[in-house]
Protein backbone atom coordinates (compact mmCIF):
# COMPACT_ATOMS: atom_id res chain seq x y z
CA MET A 1 -16.21 8.65 7.95
CA ARG A 2 -13.69 10.11 5.71
CA LEU A 3 -11.35 7.99 3.96
CA ILE A 4 -8.42 9.41 5.49
CA GLU A 5 -10.02 8.59 8.90
CA LYS A 6 -10.38 5.20 7.86
CA LEU A 7 -6.37 4.66 6.24
CA ARG A 8 -5.43 5.34 9.43
CA GLU A 9 -6.35 2.24 10.73
CA TYR A 10 -4.01 0.26 7.95
CA THR A 11 -0.76 1.83 8.46
CA ASN A 12 2.24 -0.31 7.99
CA GLN A 13 -0.36 -2.74 5.99
CA TYR A 14 -0.14 -4.16 2.64
CA MET A 15 -2.66 -3.23 -0.31
CA PHE A 16 -3.35 -2.38 -3.82
CA ILE A 17 -4.09 1.45 -4.56
CA LYS A 18 -5.81 2.67 -7.77
CA TRP A 19 -5.53 6.79 -7.90
CA ALA A 20 -6.20 8.99 -10.64
CA CYS A 21 -3.29 8.40 -12.84
CA GLY A 22 -1.93 5.11 -11.77
CA SER A 23 -2.43 1.99 -9.50
CA GLU A 24 0.07 -0.22 -7.24
CA TYR A 25 0.83 -2.58 -4.63
CA GLY A 26 2.90 -1.64 -1.78
CA LYS A 27 2.79 -0.63 1.85
CA LEU A 28 1.06 2.18 3.88
CA VAL A 29 3.06 3.94 5.40
CA SER A 30 1.65 6.99 6.81
CA VAL A 31 -1.58 9.15 6.51
CA GLY A 32 -1.44 12.59 6.56
CA ASP A 33 -4.11 15.62 6.81
CA ASP A 34 -4.40 15.58 2.90
CA PHE A 35 -2.09 12.75 1.72
CA ILE A 36 -0.82 9.37 2.18
CA GLU A 37 3.03 8.11 1.72
CA PHE A 38 3.11 5.04 0.29
CA ASP A 39 6.31 2.21 -0.37
CA VAL A 40 5.28 1.04 -3.99
CA ILE A 41 6.27 -2.84 -4.18
CA ASN A 42 7.88 -4.24 -7.45
CA VAL A 43 5.90 -7.43 -7.62
CA ASP A 44 8.57 -9.48 -10.41
CA THR A 45 11.55 -8.86 -7.85
CA MET A 46 9.28 -8.28 -4.32
CA GLU A 47 11.28 -5.07 -3.00
CA TYR A 48 10.21 -1.84 -2.64
CA SER A 49 10.72 0.52 -5.84
CA GLU A 50 9.85 3.90 -4.80
CA THR A 51 7.85 5.99 -2.07
CA LEU A 52 4.88 8.31 -3.57
CA LEU A 53 2.75 10.96 -1.89
CA ILE A 54 -0.63 10.29 -2.75
CA TYR A 55 -3.46 13.38 -2.30
CA SER A 56 -6.21 11.68 -1.00
CA PRO A 57 -9.23 12.87 -2.73
CA LEU A 58 -7.07 11.30 -6.15
CA ILE A 59 -7.51 7.42 -4.51
CA PHE A 60 -10.22 5.95 -6.30
CA GLU A 61 -9.95 2.32 -4.85
CA ILE A 62 -7.92 0.25 -2.04
CA ALA A 63 -8.14 -3.24 -1.47
CA VAL A 64 -6.45 -4.41 1.32
CA GLY A 65 -7.38 -8.17 1.45
CA GLY A 66 -7.52 -10.57 -1.79
CA ALA A 67 -5.70 -12.96 -3.54
CA ASP A 68 -3.02 -10.69 -5.16
CA VAL A 69 -2.37 -8.84 -1.63
CA GLN A 70 -2.30 -12.33 -0.10
CA ARG A 71 0.59 -13.58 -2.56
CA ILE A 72 2.39 -10.15 -2.08
CA LEU A 73 2.18 -11.02 1.57
CA ALA A 74 3.51 -14.19 1.20
CA GLU A 75 6.42 -13.67 -0.64
CA VAL A 76 7.24 -10.66 1.61
CA SER A 77 7.03 -13.29 4.57
CA SER A 78 9.12 -15.86 3.17
CA LYS A 79 11.80 -13.62 2.63
CA LEU A 80 12.00 -12.51 6.07
CA THR A 81 14.73 -14.35 8.23
CA LEU A 82 14.61 -15.27 12.34
CA GLU A 83 17.34 -14.07 14.27
């Protein structure tokens, strides 16, 4: 199975991604045939700071779970309001 195919299962999930020239926490917005669209979260303000298009062969590591990702989920969830 190719990485791009597996990533499609994680669309709209929060994760940590490390690629050739950087690494960020954020939300996977969409997965194309050769790239991904990723909304970066500023971990200090918990706001989206930018959107990246990352060429998939440059991706080294993706963490979908773990303590850091869970902390971001908790922070984002605490700012949601019920309407």
